[in-house]
């Protein structure tokens, strides 16, 4: 009965009406009420589980809030401690700043003294370098004069050689031209004579043959005329005497017909002989035509030779033009040679000047660095002694003493790192100097200038007792 009362109370307190399947509890049957009770118990169990879950969550949040509150109080206490430590560190820092200001004053004073000494030494070394430079300049000017004289002599010799070659070439060209003209004239005269003789021979032969043919033709015509006159007279007498001499005339005509046949056979034989002579005359005519064809070929060869002569003349003009171009190129190359010599001399002067400046700078830097290093080492020893005395006199507690010693070690480490950087920078400068020196030696050997003409002896390694690597100047290791 207790669960039913709780269910009823819960149904009254809930926002939804207590209606199941659109029926009030009074209108429900027993089975519906049992189902309704089962559903309400399930909801009650679910609500109890949710209440337990939310209660656990509330406990967790409460514990988290307690933990964060304690952590916040601890962090605030740590923050107050850090503020006190920062105030103490600030006070110590101010004290150290005062100490380092005094050290900087001492260092500036020493630096000023070193600068005055270096200026004096620099003026002396500059005067010595100027004297050496003037001496080297006079020697180089003398060498330049001698080289200019040699170059002028070589130019004169080359000009004379070019003139001789031009004269020789002109003589050869004129000789070839005269030889070609003489050969052409001889060939023309020779073939003209041959053509004239052949024409005369052919004209004479043609005239004789024509005369013979005309004579034979005239004799044959006269004979035919006589024969026809005789036949006409015979026919006339025949017609006059036809009544008296018919039988005799028939026999006579038969005889005449036989004679005419014989004459016709004779004329055919003469015609065959004439045709045979014609054939015999065709062969020398063909030979003459062949000779004429050969003469025409030779005449074509003569045209080819003439064309070759014109081609050689054109080649001669081209070679003359090329000779002029070569002369112009020779002059241009001479100008370039003089310009290159001037640039070489200028580069030589600049390089010697740069080497001297680099030597002076590296020497000054080495002296400065060595003196700074010695001064810093002395100051370091002095400061260590002073620090030991101060620590012994102050009788500080071990914590402050350890803090001061750690701080001093940090300062010393930073100074050592700056010293290593300066040594690395010095090694780079030395490597750049060595690379420049090797390049200069290679250029001198390429230009054919001996190394003894430098006027000074370059150092292989400006830093004594140190060696640098063989790589590029930007990739130098710390010298050993």
Protein backbone atom coordinates (compact mmCIF):
# COMPACT_ATOMS: atom_id res chain seq x y z
CA UNK A 1 0.00 0.00 0.00
CA UNK A 2 2.93 2.38 0.62
CA UNK A 3 4.10 2.46 -3.01
CA UNK A 4 0.59 3.26 -4.18
CA UNK A 5 0.40 6.30 -1.84
CA UNK A 6 3.74 7.53 -3.10
CA UNK A 7 2.62 7.04 -6.63
CA UNK A 8 -0.53 9.01 -5.93
CA UNK A 9 1.42 11.84 -4.33
CA UNK A 10 3.78 11.92 -7.23
CA UNK A 11 0.87 11.96 -9.64
CA UNK A 12 -0.62 14.92 -7.82
CA UNK A 13 2.63 16.85 -7.71
CA UNK A 14 3.50 16.27 -11.40
CA UNK A 15 2.57 18.82 -14.04
CA UNK A 16 0.89 16.25 -16.37
CA UNK A 17 -2.62 15.04 -15.44
CA UNK A 18 -2.97 11.55 -14.03
CA UNK A 19 -4.64 10.14 -17.11
CA UNK A 20 -3.64 6.85 -18.68
CA UNK A 21 -5.05 6.00 -22.09
CA UNK A 22 -7.43 9.00 -21.76
CA UNK A 23 -9.05 7.49 -18.66
CA UNK A 24 -9.10 8.59 -15.05
CA UNK A 25 -7.90 6.11 -12.38
CA UNK A 26 -11.44 5.66 -11.14
CA UNK A 27 -12.62 4.64 -14.58
CA UNK A 28 -9.79 2.11 -15.13
CA UNK A 29 -10.18 -1.59 -14.82
CA UNK A 30 -8.02 -3.77 -12.60
CA UNK A 31 -5.64 -4.79 -15.41
CA UNK A 32 -5.22 -1.21 -16.56
CA UNK A 33 -4.50 -0.16 -13.00
CA UNK A 34 -1.88 -2.89 -12.63
CA UNK A 35 -0.21 -1.79 -15.86
CA UNK A 36 -0.36 1.79 -14.70
CA UNK A 37 1.27 0.83 -11.36
CA UNK A 38 4.04 -1.03 -13.19
CA UNK A 39 4.79 2.00 -15.34
CA UNK A 40 4.80 4.29 -12.33
CA UNK A 41 7.22 1.98 -10.48
CA UNK A 42 9.54 2.02 -13.49
CA UNK A 43 9.44 5.80 -13.57
CA UNK A 44 10.10 5.86 -9.81
CA UNK A 45 13.16 3.64 -10.23
CA UNK A 46 14.42 5.81 -13.06
CA UNK A 47 13.93 8.98 -11.04
CA UNK A 48 15.78 7.45 -8.06
CA UNK A 49 18.73 6.52 -10.35
CA UNK A 50 18.83 10.05 -11.76
CA UNK A 51 18.67 11.53 -8.25
CA UNK A 52 21.61 9.35 -7.17
CA UNK A 53 23.56 10.29 -10.31
CA UNK A 54 22.99 14.03 -9.80
CA UNK A 55 23.89 13.70 -6.10
CA UNK A 56 27.19 12.04 -7.09
CA UNK A 57 27.84 14.79 -9.62
CA UNK A 58 27.11 17.42 -6.99
CA UNK A 59 29.60 15.75 -4.60
CA UNK A 60 32.27 15.64 -7.36
CA UNK A 61 31.74 19.31 -8.18
CA UNK A 62 31.95 20.18 -4.48
CA UNK A 63 35.23 18.25 -4.11
CA UNK A 64 36.61 19.92 -7.31
CA UNK A 65 35.67 23.30 -5.93
CA UNK A 66 37.47 22.57 -2.68
CA UNK A 67 40.57 21.39 -4.53
CA UNK A 68 40.67 24.46 -6.81
CA UNK A 69 40.12 26.75 -3.80
CA UNK A 70 43.11 25.20 -2.03
CA UNK A 71 45.20 25.43 -5.23
CA UNK A 72 44.23 29.08 -5.65
CA UNK A 73 45.35 29.84 -2.10
CA UNK A 74 48.63 28.00 -2.72
CA UNK A 75 49.24 29.92 -5.97
CA UNK A 76 48.51 33.20 -4.24
CA UNK A 77 51.04 32.32 -1.55
CA UNK A 78 53.57 31.39 -4.26
CA UNK A 79 52.85 34.66 -6.05
CA UNK A 80 53.51 36.61 -2.86
CA UNK A 81 56.79 34.68 -2.43
CA UNK A 82 57.76 35.39 -6.06
CA UNK A 83 57.01 39.09 -5.56
CA UNK A 84 59.30 39.16 -2.52
CA UNK A 85 62.00 37.30 -4.52
CA UNK A 86 61.64 39.73 -7.44
CA UNK A 87 62.04 42.70 -5.09
CA UNK A 88 65.16 41.13 -3.63
CA UNK A 89 66.49 40.32 -7.13
CA UNK A 90 65.78 43.91 -8.24
CA UNK A 91 67.78 45.23 -5.30
CA UNK A 92 70.65 42.86 -6.14
CA UNK A 93 70.41 43.84 -9.79
CA UNK A 94 70.71 47.53 -8.94
CA UNK A 95 73.81 46.76 -6.88
CA UNK A 96 75.31 44.77 -9.77
CA UNK A 97 74.49 47.57 -12.20
CA UNK A 98 76.42 50.02 -10.05
CA UNK A 99 79.38 47.62 -9.92
CA UNK A 100 79.35 47.10 -13.70
CA UNK A 101 79.09 50.82 -14.33
CA UNK A 102 82.32 51.30 -12.40
CA UNK A 103 83.88 48.45 -14.45
CA UNK A 104 82.72 50.07 -17.70
CA UNK A 105 84.30 53.36 -16.66
CA UNK A 106 87.62 51.59 -16.05
CA UNK A 107 87.34 49.79 -19.40
CA UNK A 108 86.54 53.01 -21.27
CA UNK A 109 89.58 54.65 -19.76
CA UNK A 110 91.77 51.74 -20.84
CA UNK A 111 90.16 51.76 -24.29
CA UNK A 112 90.95 55.46 -24.71
CA UNK A 113 94.58 54.85 -23.80
CA UNK A 114 94.75 51.93 -26.28
CA UNK A 115 93.24 54.10 -29.02
CA UNK A 116 95.85 56.81 -28.56
CA UNK A 117 98.64 54.22 -28.75
CA UNK A 118 97.11 52.60 -31.84
CA UNK A 119 96.72 55.97 -33.58
CA UNK A 120 100.39 56.73 -33.04
CA UNK A 121 101.42 53.30 -34.32
CA UNK A 122 99.02 53.63 -37.28
CA UNK A 123 100.51 56.96 -38.40
CA UNK A 124 104.02 55.47 -38.29
CA UNK A 125 103.01 52.35 -40.24
CA UNK A 126 101.09 54.49 -42.75
CA UNK A 127 104.19 56.60 -43.45
CA UNK A 128 106.26 53.47 -43.96
CA UNK A 129 103.60 52.01 -46.28
CA UNK A 130 103.48 55.26 -48.30
CA UNK A 131 107.24 55.17 -48.81
CA UNK A 132 107.07 51.55 -49.96
CA UNK A 133 104.16 52.35 -52.25
CA UNK A 134 106.04 55.26 -53.88
CA UNK A 135 109.04 53.01 -54.53
CA UNK A 136 106.83 50.31 -56.03
CA UNK A 137 105.02 52.90 -58.15
CA UNK A 138 108.30 54.14 -59.67
CA UNK A 139 109.32 50.55 -60.48
CA UNK A 140 105.95 49.81 -62.06
CA UNK A 141 106.13 52.97 -64.17
CA UNK A 142 109.54 51.96 -65.47
CA UNK A 143 108.17 48.50 -66.31
CA UNK A 144 105.22 50.15 -68.09
CA UNK A 145 107.56 52.29 -70.22
CA UNK A 146 109.60 49.25 -71.24
CA UNK A 147 106.45 47.29 -72.06
CA UNK A 148 105.10 50.17 -74.17
CA UNK A 149 108.38 50.33 -76.12
CA UNK A 150 108.24 46.56 -76.76
CA UNK A 151 104.59 46.81 -77.83
CA UNK A 152 105.41 49.66 -80.25
CA UNK A 153 108.25 47.61 -81.79
CA UNK A 154 105.95 44.60 -82.18
CA UNK A 155 103.30 46.79 -83.80
CA UNK A 156 105.84 48.17 -86.31
CA UNK A 157 107.06 44.65 -87.12
CA UNK A 158 103.49 43.39 -87.61
CA UNK A 159 102.63 46.39 -89.82
CA UNK A 160 105.69 45.78 -92.01
CA UNK A 161 104.82 42.09 -92.29
CA UNK A 162 101.22 42.93 -93.26
CA UNK A 163 102.45 45.44 -95.89
CA UNK A 164 104.86 42.88 -97.35
CA UNK A 165 102.12 40.27 -97.48
CA UNK A 166 99.78 42.73 -99.21
CA UNK A 167 102.43 43.63 -101.82
CA UNK A 168 103.24 39.97 -102.42
CA UNK A 169 99.56 39.12 -102.80
CA UNK A 170 99.02 42.00 -105.23
CA UNK A 171 102.01 40.88 -107.31
CA UNK A 172 100.72 37.31 -107.41
CA UNK A 173 97.23 38.50 -108.36
CA UNK A 174 98.56 40.70 -111.20
CA UNK A 175 100.75 37.85 -112.43
CA UNK A 176 97.80 35.44 -112.41
CA UNK A 177 95.65 38.03 -114.19
CA UNK A 178 98.30 38.54 -116.91
CA UNK A 179 98.76 34.76 -117.30
CA UNK A 180 95.00 34.22 -117.67
CA UNK A 181 94.72 37.03 -120.25
CA UNK A 182 97.70 35.69 -122.23
CA UNK A 183 96.27 32.15 -122.22
CA UNK A 184 92.86 33.45 -123.30
CA UNK A 185 94.37 35.43 -126.16
CA UNK A 186 96.47 32.46 -127.32
CA UNK A 187 93.46 30.12 -127.22
CA UNK A 188 91.32 32.66 -129.13
CA UNK A 189 93.98 33.15 -131.83
CA UNK A 190 94.62 29.42 -132.15
CA UNK A 191 90.97 28.47 -132.53
CA UNK A 192 90.29 31.42 -134.89
CA UNK A 193 93.09 30.21 -137.20
CA UNK A 194 91.75 26.66 -137.09
CA UNK A 195 88.21 27.85 -137.88
CA UNK A 196 89.45 29.97 -140.81
CA UNK A 197 91.47 27.10 -142.30
CA UNK A 198 88.54 24.71 -141.93
CA UNK A 199 86.14 27.20 -143.51
CA UNK A 200 88.51 27.72 -146.45
CA UNK A 201 88.92 23.98 -146.98
CA UNK A 202 85.18 23.32 -146.83
CA UNK A 203 84.39 26.24 -149.18
CA UNK A 204 86.97 25.02 -151.70
CA UNK A 205 85.69 21.45 -151.57
CA UNK A 206 82.08 22.60 -151.89
CA UNK A 207 82.92 24.82 -154.88
CA UNK A 208 84.79 22.03 -156.70
CA UNK A 209 81.96 19.56 -156.10
CA UNK A 210 79.36 22.06 -157.29
CA UNK A 211 81.44 22.83 -160.41
CA UNK A 212 81.79 19.14 -161.24
CA UNK A 213 78.06 18.52 -160.78
CA UNK A 214 77.21 21.54 -162.97
CA UNK A 215 79.57 20.36 -165.72
CA UNK A 216 78.06 16.88 -165.69
CA UNK A 217 74.57 18.36 -165.73
CA UNK A 218 75.38 20.72 -168.66
CA UNK A 219 76.97 17.91 -170.68
CA UNK A 220 73.97 15.69 -170.06
CA UNK A 221 71.54 18.50 -171.01
CA UNK A 222 73.46 19.23 -174.24
CA UNK A 223 73.53 15.57 -175.13
CA UNK A 224 69.78 15.26 -174.50
CA UNK A 225 69.15 18.36 -176.62
CA UNK A 226 71.18 16.89 -179.46
CA UNK A 227 69.39 13.60 -179.12
CA UNK A 228 66.01 15.28 -179.23
CA UNK A 229 66.97 17.41 -182.22
CA UNK A 230 68.19 14.39 -184.02
CA UNK A 231 65.03 12.46 -183.14
CA UNK A 232 62.93 15.42 -184.28
CA UNK A 233 64.78 15.57 -187.62
CA UNK A 234 64.41 11.85 -187.96
CA UNK A 235 60.74 12.04 -187.19
CA UNK A 236 60.35 14.89 -189.67
CA UNK A 237 62.16 12.93 -192.38
CA UNK A 238 60.10 9.96 -191.34
CA UNK A 239 56.87 11.81 -191.87
CA UNK A 240 58.18 13.17 -195.14
CA UNK A 241 59.35 9.80 -196.30
CA UNK A 242 56.66 7.74 -194.55
CA UNK A 243 55.04 6.74 -197.75
CA UNK A 244 58.31 5.69 -199.27
CA UNK A 245 60.29 4.35 -196.37
CA UNK A 246 57.75 2.85 -193.97
CA UNK A 247 59.39 -0.48 -193.46
CA UNK A 248 62.89 0.98 -193.36
CA UNK A 249 61.67 3.60 -190.85
CA UNK A 250 60.12 0.93 -188.62
CA UNK A 251 63.39 -0.95 -188.56
CA UNK A 252 65.26 2.29 -188.00
CA UNK A 253 62.92 3.23 -185.19
CA UNK A 254 63.44 -0.13 -183.60
CA UNK A 255 67.17 0.40 -183.75
CA UNK A 256 66.73 3.86 -182.33
CA UNK A 257 64.55 2.46 -179.56
CA UNK A 258 67.26 0.01 -178.66
CA UNK A 259 69.81 2.79 -178.73
CA UNK A 260 67.52 4.91 -176.53
CA UNK A 261 67.19 2.04 -174.06
CA UNK A 262 70.94 1.67 -174.02
CA UNK A 263 71.30 5.42 -173.43
CA UNK A 264 68.72 5.23 -170.67
CA UNK A 265 70.65 2.41 -169.03
CA UNK A 266 73.81 4.46 -169.41
CA UNK A 267 72.11 7.50 -167.82
CA UNK A 268 70.91 5.35 -164.92
CA UNK A 269 74.46 4.11 -164.40
CA UNK A 270 75.70 7.72 -164.40
CA UNK A 271 72.94 8.58 -161.92
CA UNK A 272 74.08 5.76 -159.64
CA UNK A 273 77.67 6.98 -159.93
CA UNK A 274 76.55 10.50 -158.99
CA UNK A 275 74.62 9.14 -156.01
CA UNK A 276 77.67 7.15 -154.97
CA UNK A 277 79.84 10.27 -155.20
CA UNK A 278 77.19 12.05 -153.14
CA UNK A 279 77.46 9.37 -150.47
CA UNK A 280 81.24 9.59 -150.58
CA UNK A 281 81.01 13.37 -150.09
CA UNK A 282 78.60 13.01 -147.12
CA UNK A 283 81.30 11.36 -144.93
CA UNK A 284 83.79 14.29 -145.14
CA UNK A 285 80.82 16.61 -144.58
CA UNK A 286 79.91 14.71 -141.40
CA UNK A 287 83.56 14.83 -140.31
CA UNK A 288 83.57 18.54 -140.90
CA UNK A 289 80.34 18.89 -138.89
CA UNK A 290 81.90 16.84 -136.05
CA UNK A 291 84.98 19.05 -136.11
CA UNK A 292 82.67 22.04 -136.03
CA UNK A 293 80.84 20.51 -132.97
CA UNK A 294 84.20 19.95 -131.24
CA UNK A 295 85.17 23.53 -132.00
CA UNK A 296 81.87 24.67 -130.47
CA UNK A 297 82.62 22.56 -127.38
CA UNK A 298 86.05 24.14 -127.12
CA UNK A 299 84.41 27.48 -127.54
CA UNK A 300 82.05 26.58 -124.62
CA UNK A 301 85.14 25.59 -122.57
CA UNK A 302 86.58 28.94 -123.48
CA UNK A 303 83.39 30.55 -122.08
CA UNK A 304 83.77 28.45 -118.92
CA UNK A 305 87.42 29.54 -118.60
CA UNK A 306 86.32 33.10 -119.09
CA UNK A 307 83.65 32.66 -116.39
CA UNK A 308 86.27 31.09 -114.09
CA UNK A 309 88.44 34.13 -114.68
CA UNK A 310 85.56 36.41 -113.65
CA UNK A 311 84.97 34.19 -110.58
CA UNK A 312 88.64 34.45 -109.61
CA UNK A 313 88.41 38.21 -109.99
CA UNK A 314 85.35 38.19 -107.72
CA UNK A 315 87.21 35.97 -105.22
CA UNK A 316 90.12 38.38 -105.40
CA UNK A 317 87.80 41.24 -104.49
CA UNK A 318 86.34 39.16 -101.64
CA UNK A 319 89.82 38.30 -100.33
CA UNK A 320 90.80 41.97 -100.52
CA UNK A 321 87.67 42.85 -98.56
CA UNK A 322 88.45 40.11 -96.03
CA UNK A 323 92.00 41.46 -95.75
CA UNK A 324 90.61 44.90 -94.99
CA UNK A 325 88.24 43.39 -92.41
CA UNK A 326 91.14 41.49 -90.84
CA UNK A 327 93.19 44.67 -90.71
CA UNK A 328 90.28 46.45 -89.04
CA UNK A 329 89.87 43.56 -86.58
CA UNK A 330 93.61 43.69 -85.94
CA UNK A 331 93.34 47.38 -85.05
CA UNK A 332 90.31 46.68 -82.83
CA UNK A 333 92.17 43.84 -81.09
CA UNK A 334 95.17 46.10 -80.55
CA UNK A 335 92.89 48.70 -78.96
CA UNK A 336 91.31 46.00 -76.80
CA UNK A 337 94.77 44.74 -75.87
CA UNK A 338 95.83 48.21 -74.76
CA UNK A 339 92.55 48.57 -72.83
CA UNK A 340 93.01 45.16 -71.18
CA UNK A 341 96.58 46.10 -70.25
CA UNK A 342 95.32 49.32 -68.67
CA UNK A 343 92.63 47.39 -66.77
CA UNK A 344 95.22 44.83 -65.67
CA UNK A 345 97.51 47.57 -64.37
CA UNK A 346 94.59 49.23 -62.60
CA UNK A 347 93.51 45.91 -61.06
CA UNK A 348 97.10 45.24 -60.03
CA UNK A 349 97.30 48.61 -58.29
CA UNK A 350 93.90 48.13 -56.63
CA UNK A 351 94.83 44.64 -55.53
CA UNK A 352 98.13 45.71 -53.99
CA UNK A 353 96.34 48.55 -52.26
CA UNK A 354 93.62 46.19 -51.00
CA UNK A 355 96.24 43.70 -49.76
CA UNK A 356 98.04 46.42 -47.86
CA UNK A 357 94.81 47.68 -46.37
CA UNK A 358 93.80 44.15 -45.37
CA UNK A 359 97.23 43.55 -43.84
CA UNK A 360 97.02 46.79 -41.88
CA UNK A 361 93.46 46.08 -40.75
CA UNK A 362 94.21 42.50 -39.76
CA UNK A 363 97.37 43.59 -37.92
CA UNK A 364 95.48 46.31 -36.09
CA UNK A 365 92.62 43.94 -35.27
CA UNK A 366 95.02 41.28 -34.03
CA UNK A 367 96.84 43.75 -31.81
CA UNK A 368 93.56 45.14 -30.50
CA UNK A 369 92.14 41.69 -29.83
CA UNK A 370 95.32 40.49 -28.13
CA UNK A 371 95.50 43.58 -25.95
CA UNK A 372 91.80 43.35 -25.13
CA UNK A 373 92.22 39.69 -24.27
CA UNK A 374 95.21 40.39 -22.03
CA UNK A 375 93.40 43.27 -20.36
CA UNK A 376 90.25 41.21 -19.84
CA UNK A 377 92.26 38.32 -18.41
CA UNK A 378 94.03 40.70 -16.00
CA UNK A 379 90.75 42.34 -15.05
CA UNK A 380 89.21 38.89 -14.56
CA UNK A 381 92.00 37.79 -12.22
CA UNK A 382 91.79 41.06 -10.32
CA UNK A 383 88.02 40.79 -10.04
CA UNK A 384 88.26 37.20 -8.83
CA UNK A 385 90.70 38.26 -6.12
CA UNK A 386 88.45 41.18 -5.16
CA UNK A 387 85.41 38.92 -5.15
CA UNK A 388 87.15 36.42 -2.89
CA UNK A 389 88.15 39.19 -0.49
CA UNK A 390 84.62 40.65 -0.49
CA UNK A 391 83.08 37.25 0.12
CA UNK A 392 85.52 36.53 2.91
CA UNK A 393 84.89 39.91 4.53
CA UNK A 394 81.10 39.93 4.10
CA UNK A 395 80.55 36.49 5.68
CA UNK A 396 77.37 35.91 3.69
CA UNK A 397 75.10 32.94 4.15
CA UNK A 398 75.66 29.90 1.87
CA UNK A 399 72.46 30.54 -0.17
CA UNK A 400 73.43 34.10 -1.17
CA UNK A 401 77.01 32.96 -1.78
CA UNK A 402 75.89 30.17 -4.12
CA UNK A 403 73.57 32.59 -5.95
CA UNK A 404 76.37 35.12 -6.41
CA UNK A 405 78.75 32.37 -7.61
CA UNK A 406 76.14 31.15 -10.13
CA UNK A 407 75.63 34.69 -11.36
CA UNK A 408 79.37 35.17 -11.76
CA UNK A 409 79.65 31.91 -13.69
CA UNK A 410 76.91 33.09 -16.05
CA UNK A 411 78.74 36.35 -16.65
CA UNK A 412 82.00 34.47 -17.26
CA UNK A 413 80.26 32.10 -19.68
CA UNK A 414 78.82 35.04 -21.65
CA UNK A 415 82.27 36.66 -21.80
CA UNK A 416 83.82 33.37 -22.94
CA UNK A 417 81.18 33.07 -25.65
CA UNK A 418 81.99 36.61 -26.85
CA UNK A 419 85.70 35.68 -26.89
CA UNK A 420 84.93 32.57 -28.95
CA UNK A 421 82.85 34.65 -31.37
CA UNK A 422 85.71 37.12 -31.75
CA UNK A 423 88.14 34.26 -32.37
CA UNK A 424 85.78 32.83 -34.99
CA UNK A 425 85.52 36.26 -36.62
CA UNK A 426 89.32 36.52 -36.62
CA UNK A 427 89.57 33.07 -38.23
CA UNK A 428 87.09 34.12 -40.94
CA UNK A 429 89.11 37.25 -41.69
CA UNK A 430 92.30 35.17 -41.89
CA UNK A 431 90.62 32.66 -44.21
CA UNK A 432 89.34 35.46 -46.46
CA UNK A 433 92.87 36.88 -46.55
CA UNK A 434 94.34 33.50 -47.52
CA UNK A 435 91.69 32.97 -50.22
CA UNK A 436 92.34 36.42 -51.64
CA UNK A 437 96.09 35.77 -51.61
CA UNK A 438 95.68 32.47 -53.49
CA UNK A 439 93.39 34.11 -56.03
CA UNK A 440 95.89 36.90 -56.54
CA UNK A 441 98.72 34.40 -57.09
CA UNK A 442 96.62 32.49 -59.62
CA UNK A 443 95.79 35.72 -61.50
CA UNK A 444 99.47 36.73 -61.54
CA UNK A 445 100.49 33.34 -62.97
CA UNK A 446 97.64 33.57 -65.54
CA UNK A 447 98.84 37.02 -66.68
CA UNK A 448 102.45 35.83 -66.76
CA UNK A 449 103.69 38.13 -63.98
CA UNK A 450 106.28 36.58 -61.64
CA UNK A 451 105.52 36.60 -57.92
CA UNK A 452 108.87 38.30 -57.18
CA UNK A 453 107.58 41.58 -58.68
CA UNK A 454 105.04 42.11 -55.87
CA UNK A 455 107.35 44.28 -53.81
CA UNK A 456 106.35 42.55 -50.55
CA UNK A 457 106.20 39.04 -49.11
CA UNK A 458 102.59 38.07 -48.26
CA UNK A 459 101.92 36.04 -45.13
CA UNK A 460 100.38 32.61 -45.58
CA UNK A 461 98.52 32.85 -42.25
CA UNK A 462 98.33 36.25 -40.51
CA UNK A 463 97.65 34.72 -37.08
CA UNK A 464 100.73 33.14 -35.58
CA UNK A 465 100.30 29.77 -33.96
CA UNK A 466 96.85 29.23 -35.52
CA UNK A 467 95.61 27.34 -38.56
CA UNK A 468 92.38 27.71 -40.49
CA UNK A 469 90.53 25.26 -42.68
CA UNK A 470 90.63 24.91 -46.44
CA UNK A 471 86.92 25.59 -47.06
CA UNK A 472 85.19 28.84 -48.06
CA UNK A 473 85.66 31.95 -45.95
CA UNK A 474 82.08 31.89 -44.70
CA UNK A 475 82.42 28.31 -43.37
CA UNK A 476 85.40 28.60 -41.06
CA UNK A 477 85.65 26.52 -37.89
CA UNK A 478 87.09 27.81 -34.68
CA UNK A 479 90.90 27.91 -34.99
CA UNK A 480 92.83 25.42 -32.92
